[in-house]
Amino acid sequence: MVSAFKRVGGRIRVRLGQREAEVLRRLPDQLRDVLTAEHLPDGPPDPVAARLFPPAYRDVADREREQEYHTLVHDDLLNAKLANLDLVAGTLERGTVSRRRWTVDLTEEEAMAWLGVLNDLRLALGVRLGVEDDFDGRVDEADPSAPAMHLLAYLGWLEELLVETLSA
């Protein structure tokens, strides 16, 4: 099986089918919408935001420390996630197509941004789908959420391949 990621010199080459690249191109904006909506003061907290920005202190007695941590760190974490989304979106746009394959070469920094974004996308989709345990990739095709479950499995597979490539 051919991996979607491969080390080529000091870069990481990404090779995907055109349809895969099209799906991935839509996802950064969707995640950006979730991240920026989380920042709005009115309305109940978004469970996706809670998953992507877990509390540092869970004990009720540490509520003040948690608020201080949130005040000091949250905006930096949010800005880092948004910067990663911009970086990944840029790489998705600069890729080229030949023989029905989409290809782009990533720097180490861009590959790490991809890893963070793939992880955030997978976590966000898992929350929306109510996946709480390890998801083994098996999908009931009769389930109305089957397409989203397939996307969740695909994102996990891509993340795993990228981790393996970066570790090699």
C-alpha atoms as a PDB file:
ATOM      1  CA  MET A   1       0.000   0.000   0.000  1.00  0.00           C
ATOM      2  CA  VAL A   2       1.256   3.472  -0.865  1.00  0.00           C
ATOM      3  CA  SER A   3       1.362   5.940   2.010  1.00  0.00           C
ATOM      4  CA  ALA A   4      -0.147   9.391   1.667  1.00  0.00           C
ATOM      5  CA  PHE A   5       3.060  10.805   3.198  1.00  0.00           C
ATOM      6  CA  LYS A   6       6.685  10.212   2.284  1.00  0.00           C
ATOM      7  CA  ARG A   7       9.974  11.806   3.287  1.00  0.00           C
ATOM      8  CA  VAL A   8      11.725  13.354   0.290  1.00  0.00           C
ATOM      9  CA  GLY A   9      14.939  15.003   1.372  1.00  0.00           C
ATOM     10  CA  GLY A  10      14.122  17.424   4.172  1.00  0.00           C
ATOM     11  CA  ARG A  11      10.449  17.629   3.216  1.00  0.00           C
ATOM     12  CA  ILE A  12       7.303  15.558   3.584  1.00  0.00           C
ATOM     13  CA  ARG A  13       5.542  14.799   0.301  1.00  0.00           C
ATOM     14  CA  VAL A  14       1.774  14.427   0.450  1.00  0.00           C
ATOM     15  CA  ARG A  15       0.089  12.488  -2.366  1.00  0.00           C
ATOM     16  CA  LEU A  16      -3.668  12.104  -2.339  1.00  0.00           C
ATOM     17  CA  GLY A  17      -6.451  11.453  -4.777  1.00  0.00           C
ATOM     18  CA  GLN A  18      -8.099  14.596  -6.119  1.00  0.00           C
ATOM     19  CA  ARG A  19     -11.331  13.827  -4.267  1.00  0.00           C
ATOM     20  CA  GLU A  20      -9.434  13.414  -1.007  1.00  0.00           C
ATOM     21  CA  ALA A  21      -7.766  16.791  -1.497  1.00  0.00           C
ATOM     22  CA  GLU A  22     -11.166  18.369  -2.282  1.00  0.00           C
ATOM     23  CA  VAL A  23     -12.627  17.045   0.964  1.00  0.00           C
ATOM     24  CA  LEU A  24      -9.607  18.219   2.957  1.00  0.00           C
ATOM     25  CA  ARG A  25      -9.796  21.709   1.405  1.00  0.00           C
ATOM     26  CA  ARG A  26     -13.257  22.261   2.918  1.00  0.00           C
ATOM     27  CA  LEU A  27     -12.357  21.185   6.437  1.00  0.00           C
ATOM     28  CA  PRO A  28     -10.085  24.031   7.678  1.00  0.00           C
ATOM     29  CA  ASP A  29     -12.827  26.634   7.192  1.00  0.00           C
ATOM     30  CA  GLN A  30     -15.339  24.428   8.992  1.00  0.00           C
ATOM     31  CA  LEU A  31     -12.993  23.993  11.946  1.00  0.00           C
ATOM     32  CA  ARG A  32     -12.196  27.725  11.922  1.00  0.00           C
ATOM     33  CA  ASP A  33     -15.938  28.434  12.229  1.00  0.00           C
ATOM     34  CA  VAL A  34     -16.150  26.157  15.269  1.00  0.00           C
ATOM     35  CA  LEU A  35     -13.067  27.690  16.895  1.00  0.00           C
ATOM     36  CA  THR A  36     -14.158  31.281  16.374  1.00  0.00           C
ATOM     37  CA  ALA A  37     -17.782  30.597  17.379  1.00  0.00           C
ATOM     38  CA  GLU A  38     -16.452  29.151  20.631  1.00  0.00           C
ATOM     39  CA  HIS A  39     -15.075  32.580  21.385  1.00  0.00           C
ATOM     40  CA  LEU A  40     -18.527  34.227  21.320  1.00  0.00           C
ATOM     41  CA  PRO A  41     -19.820  35.112  24.810  1.00  0.00           C
ATOM     42  CA  ASP A  42     -23.509  34.211  24.420  1.00  0.00           C
ATOM     43  CA  GLY A  43     -24.980  30.747  24.204  1.00  0.00           C
ATOM     44  CA  PRO A  44     -24.049  27.452  25.834  1.00  0.00           C
ATOM     45  CA  PRO A  45     -20.442  26.238  25.599  1.00  0.00           C
ATOM     46  CA  ASP A  46     -19.692  24.120  22.549  1.00  0.00           C
ATOM     47  CA  PRO A  47     -18.656  20.545  23.486  1.00  0.00           C
ATOM     48  CA  VAL A  48     -16.149  20.600  20.602  1.00  0.00           C
ATOM     49  CA  ALA A  49     -14.439  23.653  22.095  1.00  0.00           C
ATOM     50  CA  ALA A  50     -14.377  21.898  25.465  1.00  0.00           C
ATOM     51  CA  ARG A  51     -12.626  18.932  23.813  1.00  0.00           C
ATOM     52  CA  LEU A  52     -10.134  21.074  21.890  1.00  0.00           C
ATOM     53  CA  PHE A  53      -9.403  23.302  24.907  1.00  0.00           C
ATOM     54  CA  PRO A  54      -9.638  20.966  27.909  1.00  0.00           C
ATOM     55  CA  PRO A  55      -9.406  22.486  31.366  1.00  0.00           C
ATOM     56  CA  ALA A  56      -6.074  22.468  33.154  1.00  0.00           C
ATOM     57  CA  TYR A  57      -7.841  22.077  36.514  1.00  0.00           C
ATOM     58  CA  ARG A  58     -10.955  19.922  36.820  1.00  0.00           C
ATOM     59  CA  ASP A  59     -11.546  20.106  40.547  1.00  0.00           C
ATOM     60  CA  VAL A  60     -14.254  22.588  41.548  1.00  0.00           C
ATOM     61  CA  ALA A  61     -11.927  23.856  44.269  1.00  0.00           C
ATOM     62  CA  ASP A  62      -9.515  24.962  41.546  1.00  0.00           C
ATOM     63  CA  ARG A  63     -12.075  27.047  39.662  1.00  0.00           C
ATOM     64  CA  GLU A  64     -10.128  30.255  40.286  1.00  0.00           C
ATOM     65  CA  ARG A  65      -6.870  28.662  39.093  1.00  0.00           C
ATOM     66  CA  GLU A  66      -8.679  27.346  36.008  1.00  0.00           C
ATOM     67  CA  GLN A  67     -10.017  30.816  35.218  1.00  0.00           C
ATOM     68  CA  GLU A  68      -6.529  32.292  35.614  1.00  0.00           C
ATOM     69  CA  TYR A  69      -5.078  29.593  33.340  1.00  0.00           C
ATOM     70  CA  HIS A  70      -7.821  30.224  30.773  1.00  0.00           C
ATOM     71  CA  THR A  71      -7.174  33.985  30.871  1.00  0.00           C
ATOM     72  CA  LEU A  72      -3.411  33.521  30.434  1.00  0.00           C
ATOM     73  CA  VAL A  73      -3.313  30.714  27.861  1.00  0.00           C
ATOM     74  CA  HIS A  74      -6.557  30.319  25.931  1.00  0.00           C
ATOM     75  CA  ASP A  75      -6.042  33.118  23.400  1.00  0.00           C
ATOM     76  CA  ASP A  76      -2.524  31.874  22.621  1.00  0.00           C
ATOM     77  CA  LEU A  77      -3.810  28.328  22.093  1.00  0.00           C
ATOM     78  CA  LEU A  78      -6.648  29.586  19.908  1.00  0.00           C
ATOM     79  CA  ASN A  79      -4.307  31.746  17.838  1.00  0.00           C
ATOM     80  CA  ALA A  80      -1.915  28.813  17.374  1.00  0.00           C
ATOM     81  CA  LYS A  81      -4.761  26.599  16.150  1.00  0.00           C
ATOM     82  CA  LEU A  82      -5.950  29.324  13.766  1.00  0.00           C
ATOM     83  CA  ALA A  83      -2.400  29.840  12.457  1.00  0.00           C
ATOM     84  CA  ASN A  84      -2.114  26.087  11.829  1.00  0.00           C
ATOM     85  CA  LEU A  85      -5.390  26.197   9.914  1.00  0.00           C
ATOM     86  CA  ASP A  86      -4.058  29.036   7.751  1.00  0.00           C
ATOM     87  CA  LEU A  87      -0.826  27.135   7.105  1.00  0.00           C
ATOM     88  CA  VAL A  88      -2.651  23.933   6.145  1.00  0.00           C
ATOM     89  CA  ALA A  89      -5.155  25.800   3.954  1.00  0.00           C
ATOM     90  CA  GLY A  90      -2.236  27.427   2.137  1.00  0.00           C
ATOM     91  CA  THR A  91      -0.569  24.081   1.473  1.00  0.00           C
ATOM     92  CA  LEU A  92      -3.844  22.622   0.235  1.00  0.00           C
ATOM     93  CA  GLU A  93      -4.135  25.479  -2.261  1.00  0.00           C
ATOM     94  CA  ARG A  94      -0.582  25.236  -3.564  1.00  0.00           C
ATOM     95  CA  GLY A  95      -0.729  21.511  -4.320  1.00  0.00           C
ATOM     96  CA  THR A  96      -0.564  20.356  -7.926  1.00  0.00           C
ATOM     97  CA  VAL A  97      -2.508  17.710  -9.823  1.00  0.00           C
ATOM     98  CA  SER A  98      -1.062  15.196 -12.247  1.00  0.00           C
ATOM     99  CA  ARG A  99      -2.483  11.866 -13.334  1.00  0.00           C
ATOM    100  CA  ARG A 100      -5.427  12.179 -10.955  1.00  0.00           C
ATOM    101  CA  ARG A 101      -3.105  12.602  -7.950  1.00  0.00           C
ATOM    102  CA  TRP A 102      -2.787  15.741  -5.877  1.00  0.00           C
ATOM    103  CA  THR A 103       0.724  16.432  -4.515  1.00  0.00           C
ATOM    104  CA  VAL A 104       2.367  18.991  -2.253  1.00  0.00           C
ATOM    105  CA  ASP A 105       5.703  19.081  -0.440  1.00  0.00           C
ATOM    106  CA  LEU A 106       5.626  20.255   3.171  1.00  0.00           C
ATOM    107  CA  THR A 107       8.306  21.727   5.383  1.00  0.00           C
ATOM    108  CA  GLU A 108       8.646  20.230   8.866  1.00  0.00           C
ATOM    109  CA  GLU A 109       6.694  23.200  10.247  1.00  0.00           C
ATOM    110  CA  GLU A 110       3.879  22.650   7.738  1.00  0.00           C
ATOM    111  CA  ALA A 111       3.831  18.910   8.456  1.00  0.00           C
ATOM    112  CA  MET A 112       3.486  19.626  12.174  1.00  0.00           C
ATOM    113  CA  ALA A 113       0.630  22.041  11.392  1.00  0.00           C
ATOM    114  CA  TRP A 114      -1.027  19.272   9.355  1.00  0.00           C
ATOM    115  CA  LEU A 115      -0.659  16.917  12.308  1.00  0.00           C
ATOM    116  CA  GLY A 116      -2.286  19.391  14.684  1.00  0.00           C
ATOM    117  CA  VAL A 117      -5.115  20.188  12.294  1.00  0.00           C
ATOM    118  CA  LEU A 118      -5.795  16.513  11.498  1.00  0.00           C
ATOM    119  CA  ASN A 119      -5.951  15.797  15.216  1.00  0.00           C
ATOM    120  CA  ASP A 120      -8.270  18.748  15.900  1.00  0.00           C
ATOM    121  CA  LEU A 121     -10.532  17.792  12.990  1.00  0.00           C
ATOM    122  CA  ARG A 122     -10.702  14.199  14.183  1.00  0.00           C
ATOM    123  CA  LEU A 123     -11.481  15.250  17.758  1.00  0.00           C
ATOM    124  CA  ALA A 124     -14.121  17.774  16.649  1.00  0.00           C
ATOM    125  CA  LEU A 125     -15.861  15.299  14.360  1.00  0.00           C
ATOM    126  CA  GLY A 126     -15.704  12.598  17.033  1.00  0.00           C
ATOM    127  CA  VAL A 127     -17.442  14.910  19.507  1.00  0.00           C
ATOM    128  CA  ARG A 128     -20.132  15.833  16.959  1.00  0.00           C
ATOM    129  CA  LEU A 129     -20.727  12.131  16.250  1.00  0.00           C
ATOM    130  CA  GLY A 130     -20.739  11.154  19.922  1.00  0.00           C
ATOM    131  CA  VAL A 131     -17.720   8.866  19.561  1.00  0.00           C
ATOM    132  CA  GLU A 132     -16.308   8.522  23.055  1.00  0.00           C
ATOM    133  CA  ASP A 133     -14.259   5.329  22.962  1.00  0.00           C
ATOM    134  CA  ASP A 134     -11.542   4.197  20.603  1.00  0.00           C
ATOM    135  CA  PHE A 135     -13.075   4.109  17.161  1.00  0.00           C
ATOM    136  CA  ASP A 136     -11.926   1.050  15.228  1.00  0.00           C
ATOM    137  CA  GLY A 137     -13.025   2.375  11.825  1.00  0.00           C
ATOM    138  CA  ARG A 138     -15.910  -0.045  11.365  1.00  0.00           C
ATOM    139  CA  VAL A 139     -18.982   1.715  10.046  1.00  0.00           C
ATOM    140  CA  ASP A 140     -22.582   0.520   9.839  1.00  0.00           C
ATOM    141  CA  GLU A 141     -23.562   1.560   6.317  1.00  0.00           C
ATOM    142  CA  ALA A 142     -27.241   1.730   7.360  1.00  0.00           C
ATOM    143  CA  ASP A 143     -26.409   4.427   9.922  1.00  0.00           C
ATOM    144  CA  PRO A 144     -27.278   7.926   8.626  1.00  0.00           C
ATOM    145  CA  SER A 145     -23.967   9.164  10.028  1.00  0.00           C
ATOM    146  CA  ALA A 146     -21.980   6.609   7.967  1.00  0.00           C
ATOM    147  CA  PRO A 147     -20.395   9.226   5.648  1.00  0.00           C
ATOM    148  CA  ALA A 148     -19.187  11.263   8.637  1.00  0.00           C
ATOM    149  CA  MET A 149     -17.942   8.086  10.336  1.00  0.00           C
ATOM    150  CA  HIS A 150     -15.968   7.239   7.193  1.00  0.00           C
ATOM    151  CA  LEU A 151     -14.451  10.733   7.286  1.00  0.00           C
ATOM    152  CA  LEU A 152     -13.540  10.216  10.951  1.00  0.00           C
ATOM    153  CA  ALA A 153     -11.795   6.939  10.080  1.00  0.00           C
ATOM    154  CA  TYR A 154     -10.000   8.595   7.159  1.00  0.00           C
ATOM    155  CA  LEU A 155      -8.745  11.488   9.297  1.00  0.00           C
ATOM    156  CA  GLY A 156      -7.455   9.018  11.895  1.00  0.00           C
ATOM    157  CA  TRP A 157      -5.706   7.013   9.180  1.00  0.00           C
ATOM    158  CA  LEU A 158      -4.058  10.134   7.746  1.00  0.00           C
ATOM    159  CA  GLU A 159      -2.957  11.239  11.197  1.00  0.00           C
ATOM    160  CA  GLU A 160      -1.432   7.830  11.898  1.00  0.00           C
ATOM    161  CA  LEU A 161       0.441   7.806   8.573  1.00  0.00           C
ATOM    162  CA  LEU A 162       1.788  11.298   9.173  1.00  0.00           C
ATOM    163  CA  VAL A 163       2.983  10.397  12.679  1.00  0.00           C
ATOM    164  CA  GLU A 164       4.784   7.345  11.237  1.00  0.00           C
ATOM    165  CA  THR A 165       6.396   9.454   8.507  1.00  0.00           C
ATOM    166  CA  LEU A 166       7.516  12.172  10.916  1.00  0.00           C
ATOM    167  CA  SER A 167       8.931   9.533  13.280  1.00  0.00           C
ATOM    168  CA  ALA A 168      10.999   7.821  10.586  1.00  0.00           C
END
